[in-house]
């Protein structure tokens, strides 16, 4: 059996209302919906990281990946992100 940890977080009224509607619509508990949402987010981050690696490996440059300079336009790398980093200021 997996060990689980408890946490608490706050939701704005609109998000809480939406979550309550989803509970009624799906018949799932709030915690199940939140766990499913987290799993979807983790999968999305993996897909985005894979796309980032593919873009950089192929040498494709989109306008958002370029920076204007005095002598012209230069390509810049995509901004990296790390989902394992905790955001201490978000509490």
PDB file of N, CA and C in Angstrom:
ATOM      1  N   UNK A   1       0.837  -1.178   0.000  1.00  0.00           N
ATOM      2  CA  UNK A   1       0.000   0.000   0.000  1.00  0.00           C
ATOM      3  C   UNK A   1       0.888   1.251   0.000  1.00  0.00           C
ATOM      4  N   UNK A   2       0.537   2.208  -0.840  1.00  0.00           N
ATOM      5  CA  UNK A   2       1.306   3.446  -0.923  1.00  0.00           C
ATOM      6  C   UNK A   2       1.062   4.312   0.300  1.00  0.00           C
ATOM      7  N   UNK A   3       2.117   4.951   0.729  1.00  0.00           N
ATOM      8  CA  UNK A   3       1.963   5.947   1.787  1.00  0.00           C
ATOM      9  C   UNK A   3       1.559   7.255   1.127  1.00  0.00           C
ATOM     10  N   UNK A   4       0.625   7.928   1.720  1.00  0.00           N
ATOM     11  CA  UNK A   4       0.206   9.220   1.184  1.00  0.00           C
ATOM     12  C   UNK A   4       0.450  10.304   2.221  1.00  0.00           C
ATOM     13  N   UNK A   5       0.561  11.506   1.734  1.00  0.00           N
ATOM     14  CA  UNK A   5       0.737  12.659   2.614  1.00  0.00           C
ATOM     15  C   UNK A   5      -0.433  13.595   2.396  1.00  0.00           C
ATOM     16  N   UNK A   6      -0.797  14.288   3.433  1.00  0.00           N
ATOM     17  CA  UNK A   6      -1.884  15.250   3.338  1.00  0.00           C
ATOM     18  C   UNK A   6      -1.330  16.649   3.172  1.00  0.00           C
ATOM     19  N   UNK A   7      -2.089  17.451   2.469  1.00  0.00           N
ATOM     20  CA  UNK A   7      -1.747  18.854   2.324  1.00  0.00           C
ATOM     21  C   UNK A   7      -3.035  19.651   2.208  1.00  0.00           C
ATOM     22  N   UNK A   8      -2.931  20.915   2.363  1.00  0.00           N
ATOM     23  CA  UNK A   8      -4.085  21.797   2.190  1.00  0.00           C
ATOM     24  C   UNK A   8      -3.682  22.927   1.260  1.00  0.00           C
ATOM     25  N   UNK A   9      -4.603  23.351   0.446  1.00  0.00           N
ATOM     26  CA  UNK A   9      -4.351  24.500  -0.414  1.00  0.00           C
ATOM     27  C   UNK A   9      -5.661  25.244  -0.620  1.00  0.00           C
ATOM     28  N   UNK A  10      -5.546  26.472  -1.053  1.00  0.00           N
ATOM     29  CA  UNK A  10      -6.720  27.320  -1.231  1.00  0.00           C
ATOM     30  C   UNK A  10      -7.069  27.435  -2.704  1.00  0.00           C
ATOM     31  N   UNK A  11      -8.359  27.479  -2.974  1.00  0.00           N
ATOM     32  CA  UNK A  11      -8.849  27.680  -4.329  1.00  0.00           C
ATOM     33  C   UNK A  11      -9.722  28.924  -4.348  1.00  0.00           C
ATOM     34  N   UNK A  12      -9.659  29.659  -5.447  1.00  0.00           N
ATOM     35  CA  UNK A  12     -10.548  30.811  -5.566  1.00  0.00           C
ATOM     36  C   UNK A  12     -11.980  30.296  -5.751  1.00  0.00           C
ATOM     37  N   UNK A  13     -12.981  31.129  -5.495  1.00  0.00           N
ATOM     38  CA  UNK A  13     -14.376  30.676  -5.564  1.00  0.00           C
ATOM     39  C   UNK A  13     -14.776  30.087  -6.920  1.00  0.00           C
ATOM     40  N   UNK A  14     -14.278  30.657  -8.015  1.00  0.00           N
ATOM     41  CA  UNK A  14     -14.620  30.125  -9.339  1.00  0.00           C
ATOM     42  C   UNK A  14     -14.075  28.716  -9.530  1.00  0.00           C
ATOM     43  N   UNK A  15     -12.827  28.512  -9.126  1.00  0.00           N
ATOM     44  CA  UNK A  15     -12.214  27.192  -9.260  1.00  0.00           C
ATOM     45  C   UNK A  15     -12.924  26.190  -8.361  1.00  0.00           C
ATOM     46  N   UNK A  16     -13.241  26.597  -7.142  1.00  0.00           N
ATOM     47  CA  UNK A  16     -13.946  25.697  -6.223  1.00  0.00           C
ATOM     48  C   UNK A  16     -15.317  25.325  -6.785  1.00  0.00           C
ATOM     49  N   UNK A  17     -16.030  26.303  -7.354  1.00  0.00           N
ATOM     50  CA  UNK A  17     -17.330  26.029  -7.966  1.00  0.00           C
ATOM     51  C   UNK A  17     -17.213  25.048  -9.112  1.00  0.00           C
ATOM     52  N   UNK A  18     -16.194  25.250  -9.954  1.00  0.00           N
ATOM     53  CA  UNK A  18     -15.976  24.337 -11.072  1.00  0.00           C
ATOM     54  C   UNK A  18     -15.677  22.932 -10.558  1.00  0.00           C
ATOM     55  N   UNK A  19     -14.833  22.837  -9.527  1.00  0.00           N
ATOM     56  CA  UNK A  19     -14.471  21.541  -8.965  1.00  0.00           C
ATOM     57  C   UNK A  19     -15.701  20.834  -8.392  1.00  0.00           C
ATOM     58  N   UNK A  20     -16.559  21.557  -7.707  1.00  0.00           N
ATOM     59  CA  UNK A  20     -17.789  20.958  -7.178  1.00  0.00           C
ATOM     60  C   UNK A  20     -18.692  20.454  -8.300  1.00  0.00           C
ATOM     61  N   UNK A  21     -18.773  21.204  -9.403  1.00  0.00           N
ATOM     62  CA  UNK A  21     -19.567  20.762 -10.554  1.00  0.00           C
ATOM     63  C   UNK A  21     -18.989  19.486 -11.154  1.00  0.00           C
ATOM     64  N   UNK A  22     -17.659  19.409 -11.236  1.00  0.00           N
ATOM     65  CA  UNK A  22     -17.019  18.205 -11.767  1.00  0.00           C
ATOM     66  C   UNK A  22     -17.256  17.005 -10.857  1.00  0.00           C
ATOM     67  N   UNK A  23     -17.256  17.229  -9.543  1.00  0.00           N
ATOM     68  CA  UNK A  23     -17.542  16.149  -8.595  1.00  0.00           C
ATOM     69  C   UNK A  23     -18.939  15.604  -8.859  1.00  0.00           C
ATOM     70  N   UNK A  24     -19.913  16.487  -9.023  1.00  0.00           N
ATOM     71  CA  UNK A  24     -21.283  16.056  -9.291  1.00  0.00           C
ATOM     72  C   UNK A  24     -21.405  15.390 -10.654  1.00  0.00           C
ATOM     73  N   UNK A  25     -20.736  15.950 -11.658  1.00  0.00           N
ATOM     74  CA  UNK A  25     -20.840  15.431 -13.021  1.00  0.00           C
ATOM     75  C   UNK A  25     -20.209  14.054 -13.151  1.00  0.00           C
ATOM     76  N   UNK A  26     -19.036  13.867 -12.538  1.00  0.00           N
ATOM     77  CA  UNK A  26     -18.291  12.618 -12.710  1.00  0.00           C
ATOM     78  C   UNK A  26     -18.574  11.589 -11.629  1.00  0.00           C
ATOM     79  N   UNK A  27     -19.043  12.039 -10.473  1.00  0.00           N
ATOM     80  CA  UNK A  27     -19.249  11.113  -9.362  1.00  0.00           C
ATOM     81  C   UNK A  27     -17.959  10.745  -8.644  1.00  0.00           C
ATOM     82  N   UNK A  28     -16.875  11.424  -8.981  1.00  0.00           N
ATOM     83  CA  UNK A  28     -15.583  11.172  -8.333  1.00  0.00           C
ATOM     84  C   UNK A  28     -15.413  12.140  -7.174  1.00  0.00           C
ATOM     85  N   UNK A  29     -14.573  11.764  -6.226  1.00  0.00           N
ATOM     86  CA  UNK A  29     -14.321  12.659  -5.096  1.00  0.00           C
ATOM     87  C   UNK A  29     -13.382  13.789  -5.520  1.00  0.00           C
ATOM     88  N   UNK A  30     -13.366  14.837  -4.721  1.00  0.00           N
ATOM     89  CA  UNK A  30     -12.495  15.981  -4.987  1.00  0.00           C
ATOM     90  C   UNK A  30     -11.038  15.549  -5.053  1.00  0.00           C
ATOM     91  N   UNK A  31     -10.615  14.723  -4.111  1.00  0.00           N
ATOM     92  CA  UNK A  31      -9.208  14.314  -4.079  1.00  0.00           C
ATOM     93  C   UNK A  31      -8.837  13.485  -5.308  1.00  0.00           C
ATOM     94  N   UNK A  32      -9.758  12.654  -5.792  1.00  0.00           N
ATOM     95  CA  UNK A  32      -9.480  11.867  -7.000  1.00  0.00           C
ATOM     96  C   UNK A  32      -9.312  12.795  -8.198  1.00  0.00           C
ATOM     97  N   UNK A  33     -10.197  13.780  -8.327  1.00  0.00           N
ATOM     98  CA  UNK A  33     -10.083  14.721  -9.444  1.00  0.00           C
ATOM     99  C   UNK A  33      -8.777  15.505  -9.384  1.00  0.00           C
ATOM    100  N   UNK A  34      -8.372  15.911  -8.201  1.00  0.00           N
ATOM    101  CA  UNK A  34      -7.119  16.655  -8.060  1.00  0.00           C
ATOM    102  C   UNK A  34      -5.932  15.763  -8.407  1.00  0.00           C
ATOM    103  N   UNK A  35      -5.935  14.518  -7.934  1.00  0.00           N
ATOM    104  CA  UNK A  35      -4.838  13.597  -8.280  1.00  0.00           C
ATOM    105  C   UNK A  35      -4.772  13.360  -9.783  1.00  0.00           C
ATOM    106  N   UNK A  36      -5.941  13.184 -10.429  1.00  0.00           N
ATOM    107  CA  UNK A  36      -5.959  13.004 -11.883  1.00  0.00           C
ATOM    108  C   UNK A  36      -5.421  14.244 -12.592  1.00  0.00           C
ATOM    109  N   UNK A  37      -5.791  15.419 -12.093  1.00  0.00           N
ATOM    110  CA  UNK A  37      -5.296  16.661 -12.683  1.00  0.00           C
ATOM    111  C   UNK A  37      -3.789  16.786 -12.574  1.00  0.00           C
ATOM    112  N   UNK A  38      -3.245  16.382 -11.443  1.00  0.00           N
ATOM    113  CA  UNK A  38      -1.792  16.428 -11.251  1.00  0.00           C
ATOM    114  C   UNK A  38      -1.100  15.456 -12.197  1.00  0.00           C
ATOM    115  N   UNK A  39      -1.668  14.264 -12.372  1.00  0.00           N
ATOM    116  CA  UNK A  39      -1.082  13.299 -13.308  1.00  0.00           C
ATOM    117  C   UNK A  39      -1.098  13.846 -14.735  1.00  0.00           C
ATOM    118  N   UNK A  40      -2.194  14.500 -15.124  1.00  0.00           N
ATOM    119  CA  UNK A  40      -2.256  15.117 -16.451  1.00  0.00           C
ATOM    120  C   UNK A  40      -1.214  16.218 -16.602  1.00  0.00           C
ATOM    121  N   UNK A  41      -1.038  17.021 -15.576  1.00  0.00           N
ATOM    122  CA  UNK A  41      -0.043  18.091 -15.611  1.00  0.00           C
ATOM    123  C   UNK A  41       1.367  17.523 -15.748  1.00  0.00           C
ATOM    124  N   UNK A  42       1.663  16.455 -15.011  1.00  0.00           N
ATOM    125  CA  UNK A  42       2.987  15.834 -15.110  1.00  0.00           C
ATOM    126  C   UNK A  42       3.226  15.291 -16.517  1.00  0.00           C
ATOM    127  N   UNK A  43       2.201  14.684 -17.119  1.00  0.00           N
ATOM    128  CA  UNK A  43       2.334  14.170 -18.485  1.00  0.00           C
ATOM    129  C   UNK A  43       2.545  15.316 -19.470  1.00  0.00           C
ATOM    130  N   UNK A  44       1.828  16.417 -19.277  1.00  0.00           N
ATOM    131  CA  UNK A  44       1.970  17.571 -20.159  1.00  0.00           C
ATOM    132  C   UNK A  44       3.372  18.163 -20.078  1.00  0.00           C
ATOM    133  N   UNK A  45       3.933  18.238 -18.895  1.00  0.00           N
ATOM    134  CA  UNK A  45       5.284  18.768 -18.726  1.00  0.00           C
ATOM    135  C   UNK A  45       6.287  17.886 -19.469  1.00  0.00           C
ATOM    136  N   UNK A  46       6.096  16.567 -19.421  1.00  0.00           N
ATOM    137  CA  UNK A  46       6.988  15.660 -20.156  1.00  0.00           C
ATOM    138  C   UNK A  46       6.885  15.896 -21.657  1.00  0.00           C
ATOM    139  N   UNK A  47       5.664  16.081 -22.159  1.00  0.00           N
ATOM    140  CA  UNK A  47       5.468  16.339 -23.587  1.00  0.00           C
ATOM    141  C   UNK A  47       6.136  17.651 -23.986  1.00  0.00           C
ATOM    142  N   UNK A  48       5.953  18.694 -23.177  1.00  0.00           N
ATOM    143  CA  UNK A  48       6.574  19.986 -23.485  1.00  0.00           C
ATOM    144  C   UNK A  48       8.096  19.904 -23.469  1.00  0.00           C
ATOM    145  N   UNK A  49       8.649  19.158 -22.526  1.00  0.00           N
ATOM    146  CA  UNK A  49      10.105  18.992 -22.477  1.00  0.00           C
ATOM    147  C   UNK A  49      10.597  18.260 -23.719  1.00  0.00           C
ATOM    148  N   UNK A  50       9.839  17.265 -24.159  1.00  0.00           N
ATOM    149  CA  UNK A  50      10.209  16.526 -25.365  1.00  0.00           C
ATOM    150  C   UNK A  50      10.148  17.431 -26.596  1.00  0.00           C
ATOM    151  N   UNK A  51       9.093  18.230 -26.702  1.00  0.00           N
ATOM    152  CA  UNK A  51       8.981  19.162 -27.825  1.00  0.00           C
ATOM    153  C   UNK A  51      10.113  20.180 -27.816  1.00  0.00           C
ATOM    154  N   UNK A  52      10.453  20.677 -26.643  1.00  0.00           N
ATOM    155  CA  UNK A  52      11.553  21.633 -26.518  1.00  0.00           C
ATOM    156  C   UNK A  52      12.849  21.015 -27.032  1.00  0.00           C
ATOM    157  N   UNK A  53      13.114  19.783 -26.631  1.00  0.00           N
ATOM    158  CA  UNK A  53      14.331  19.102 -27.071  1.00  0.00           C
ATOM    159  C   UNK A  53      14.321  18.901 -28.583  1.00  0.00           C
ATOM    160  N   UNK A  54      13.165  18.544 -29.144  1.00  0.00           N
ATOM    161  CA  UNK A  54      13.062  18.355 -30.592  1.00  0.00           C
ATOM    162  C   UNK A  54      13.293  19.663 -31.336  1.00  0.00           C
ATOM    163  N   UNK A  55      12.700  20.755 -30.850  1.00  0.00           N
ATOM    164  CA  UNK A  55      12.894  22.056 -31.494  1.00  0.00           C
ATOM    165  C   UNK A  55      14.363  22.449 -31.487  1.00  0.00           C
ATOM    166  N   UNK A  56      14.995  22.328 -30.335  1.00  0.00           N
ATOM    167  CA  UNK A  56      16.395  22.733 -30.230  1.00  0.00           C
ATOM    168  C   UNK A  56      17.300  21.838 -31.064  1.00  0.00           C
ATOM    169  N   UNK A  57      17.004  20.533 -31.126  1.00  0.00           N
ATOM    170  CA  UNK A  57      17.829  19.604 -31.903  1.00  0.00           C
ATOM    171  C   UNK A  57      17.684  19.841 -33.402  1.00  0.00           C
ATOM    172  N   UNK A  58      16.505  20.262 -33.845  1.00  0.00           N
ATOM    173  CA  UNK A  58      16.277  20.448 -35.276  1.00  0.00           C
ATOM    174  C   UNK A  58      16.767  21.798 -35.782  1.00  0.00           C
ATOM    175  N   UNK A  59      17.074  22.699 -34.866  1.00  0.00           N
ATOM    176  CA  UNK A  59      17.543  24.014 -35.282  1.00  0.00           C
ATOM    177  C   UNK A  59      16.425  24.935 -35.726  1.00  0.00           C
ATOM    178  N   UNK A  60      15.180  24.532 -35.509  1.00  0.00           N
ATOM    179  CA  UNK A  60      14.045  25.369 -35.881  1.00  0.00           C
ATOM    180  C   UNK A  60      14.053  26.619 -35.015  1.00  0.00           C
ATOM    181  N   UNK A  61      13.790  27.741 -35.630  1.00  0.00           N
ATOM    182  CA  UNK A  61      13.752  28.993 -34.873  1.00  0.00           C
ATOM    183  C   UNK A  61      12.442  29.714 -35.158  1.00  0.00           C
ATOM    184  N   UNK A  62      11.656  29.886 -34.159  1.00  0.00           N
ATOM    185  CA  UNK A  62      10.409  30.631 -34.265  1.00  0.00           C
ATOM    186  C   UNK A  62      10.641  32.038 -33.740  1.00  0.00           C
ATOM    187  N   UNK A  63       9.787  32.984 -34.096  1.00  0.00           N
ATOM    188  CA  UNK A  63       9.990  34.365 -33.627  1.00  0.00           C
ATOM    189  C   UNK A  63      10.164  34.473 -32.118  1.00  0.00           C
ATOM    190  N   UNK A  64       9.444  33.670 -31.362  1.00  0.00           N
ATOM    191  CA  UNK A  64       9.567  33.734 -29.906  1.00  0.00           C
ATOM    192  C   UNK A  64      10.921  33.233 -29.425  1.00  0.00           C
ATOM    193  N   UNK A  65      11.658  32.540 -30.298  1.00  0.00           N
ATOM    194  CA  UNK A  65      12.963  32.005 -29.929  1.00  0.00           C
ATOM    195  C   UNK A  65      14.084  32.916 -30.422  1.00  0.00           C
ATOM    196  N   UNK A  66      13.746  34.115 -30.878  1.00  0.00           N
ATOM    197  CA  UNK A  66      14.749  35.043 -31.399  1.00  0.00           C
ATOM    198  C   UNK A  66      14.729  36.319 -30.572  1.00  0.00           C
ATOM    199  N   UNK A  67      15.854  36.977 -30.527  1.00  0.00           N
ATOM    200  CA  UNK A  67      15.957  38.242 -29.800  1.00  0.00           C
ATOM    201  C   UNK A  67      16.488  39.310 -30.745  1.00  0.00           C
ATOM    202  N   UNK A  68      15.895  40.480 -30.693  1.00  0.00           N
ATOM    203  CA  UNK A  68      16.338  41.593 -31.532  1.00  0.00           C
ATOM    204  C   UNK A  68      17.601  42.200 -30.933  1.00  0.00           C
ATOM    205  N   UNK A  69      18.597  42.420 -31.771  1.00  0.00           N
ATOM    206  CA  UNK A  69      19.829  43.070 -31.330  1.00  0.00           C
ATOM    207  C   UNK A  69      20.086  44.267 -32.236  1.00  0.00           C
ATOM    208  N   UNK A  70      21.073  45.073 -31.884  1.00  0.00           N
ATOM    209  CA  UNK A  70      21.401  46.246 -32.694  1.00  0.00           C
ATOM    210  C   UNK A  70      21.866  45.840 -34.090  1.00  0.00           C
ATOM    211  N   UNK A  71      22.520  44.684 -34.200  1.00  0.00           N
ATOM    212  CA  UNK A  71      23.044  44.259 -35.496  1.00  0.00           C
ATOM    213  C   UNK A  71      22.110  43.304 -36.224  1.00  0.00           C
ATOM    214  N   UNK A  72      20.958  43.005 -35.679  1.00  0.00           N
ATOM    215  CA  UNK A  72      20.022  42.099 -36.342  1.00  0.00           C
ATOM    216  C   UNK A  72      19.312  41.211 -35.339  1.00  0.00           C
ATOM    217  N   UNK A  73      18.968  40.027 -35.804  1.00  0.00           N
ATOM    218  CA  UNK A  73      18.225  39.080 -34.973  1.00  0.00           C
ATOM    219  C   UNK A  73      19.116  37.893 -34.670  1.00  0.00           C
ATOM    220  N   UNK A  74      19.163  37.481 -33.424  1.00  0.00           N
ATOM    221  CA  UNK A  74      19.929  36.286 -33.080  1.00  0.00           C
ATOM    222  C   UNK A  74      18.997  35.269 -32.441  1.00  0.00           C
ATOM    223  N   UNK A  75      19.304  34.002 -32.644  1.00  0.00           N
ATOM    224  CA  UNK A  75      18.495  32.938 -32.065  1.00  0.00           C
ATOM    225  C   UNK A  75      18.867  32.758 -30.596  1.00  0.00           C
ATOM    226  N   UNK A  76      17.861  32.562 -29.763  1.00  0.00           N
ATOM    227  CA  UNK A  76      18.087  32.295 -28.347  1.00  0.00           C
ATOM    228  C   UNK A  76      17.478  30.945 -28.005  1.00  0.00           C
ATOM    229  N   UNK A  77      18.017  30.300 -26.996  1.00  0.00           N
ATOM    230  CA  UNK A  77      17.476  29.002 -26.612  1.00  0.00           C
ATOM    231  C   UNK A  77      16.164  29.194 -25.873  1.00  0.00           C
ATOM    232  N   UNK A  78      15.346  28.152 -25.910  1.00  0.00           N
ATOM    233  CA  UNK A  78      14.093  28.189 -25.167  1.00  0.00           C
ATOM    234  C   UNK A  78      14.394  28.267 -23.686  1.00  0.00           C
ATOM    235  N   UNK A  79      13.537  28.915 -22.950  1.00  0.00           N
ATOM    236  CA  UNK A  79      13.701  29.002 -21.500  1.00  0.00           C
ATOM    237  C   UNK A  79      13.497  27.613 -20.899  1.00  0.00           C
ATOM    238  N   UNK A  80      14.353  27.246 -19.985  1.00  0.00           N
ATOM    239  CA  UNK A  80      14.212  25.936 -19.356  1.00  0.00           C
ATOM    240  C   UNK A  80      13.256  26.032 -18.188  1.00  0.00           C
ATOM    241  N   UNK A  81      12.718  24.898 -17.826  1.00  0.00           N
ATOM    242  CA  UNK A  81      11.838  24.852 -16.672  1.00  0.00           C
ATOM    243  C   UNK A  81      12.096  23.560 -15.933  1.00  0.00           C
ATOM    244  N   UNK A  82      11.901  23.603 -14.632  1.00  0.00           N
ATOM    245  CA  UNK A  82      12.154  22.444 -13.789  1.00  0.00           C
ATOM    246  C   UNK A  82      10.957  22.260 -12.877  1.00  0.00           C
ATOM    247  N   UNK A  83      10.178  21.206 -13.121  1.00  0.00           N
ATOM    248  CA  UNK A  83       8.970  21.000 -12.328  1.00  0.00           C
ATOM    249  C   UNK A  83       9.275  20.418 -10.966  1.00  0.00           C
ATOM    250  N   UNK A  84      10.524  20.007 -10.741  1.00  0.00           N
ATOM    251  CA  UNK A  84      10.866  19.445  -9.441  1.00  0.00           C
ATOM    252  C   UNK A  84      11.216  20.525  -8.441  1.00  0.00           C
ATOM    253  N   UNK A  85      11.439  21.745  -8.934  1.00  0.00           N
ATOM    254  CA  UNK A  85      11.767  22.849  -8.037  1.00  0.00           C
ATOM    255  C   UNK A  85      10.522  23.275  -7.295  1.00  0.00           C
ATOM    256  N   UNK A  86      10.649  23.485  -6.006  1.00  0.00           N
ATOM    257  CA  UNK A  86       9.497  23.960  -5.244  1.00  0.00           C
ATOM    258  C   UNK A  86       9.468  25.475  -5.289  1.00  0.00           C
ATOM    259  N   UNK A  87       8.275  26.013  -5.308  1.00  0.00           N
ATOM    260  CA  UNK A  87       8.110  27.462  -5.327  1.00  0.00           C
ATOM    261  C   UNK A  87       7.791  27.902  -3.910  1.00  0.00           C
ATOM    262  N   UNK A  88       8.794  28.325  -3.178  1.00  0.00           N
ATOM    263  CA  UNK A  88       8.630  28.652  -1.766  1.00  0.00           C
ATOM    264  C   UNK A  88       7.816  29.920  -1.554  1.00  0.00           C
ATOM    265  N   UNK A  89       7.746  30.779  -2.558  1.00  0.00           N
ATOM    266  CA  UNK A  89       6.995  32.018  -2.384  1.00  0.00           C
ATOM    267  C   UNK A  89       5.509  31.832  -2.661  1.00  0.00           C
ATOM    268  N   UNK A  90       5.091  30.654  -3.124  1.00  0.00           N
ATOM    269  CA  UNK A  90       3.692  30.433  -3.480  1.00  0.00           C
ATOM    270  C   UNK A  90       2.853  29.952  -2.315  1.00  0.00           C
ATOM    271  N   UNK A  91       3.360  29.969  -1.114  1.00  0.00           N
ATOM    272  CA  UNK A  91       2.568  29.496   0.017  1.00  0.00           C
ATOM    273  C   UNK A  91       1.841  30.577   0.663  1.00  0.00           C
TER     274      UNK A  91
END
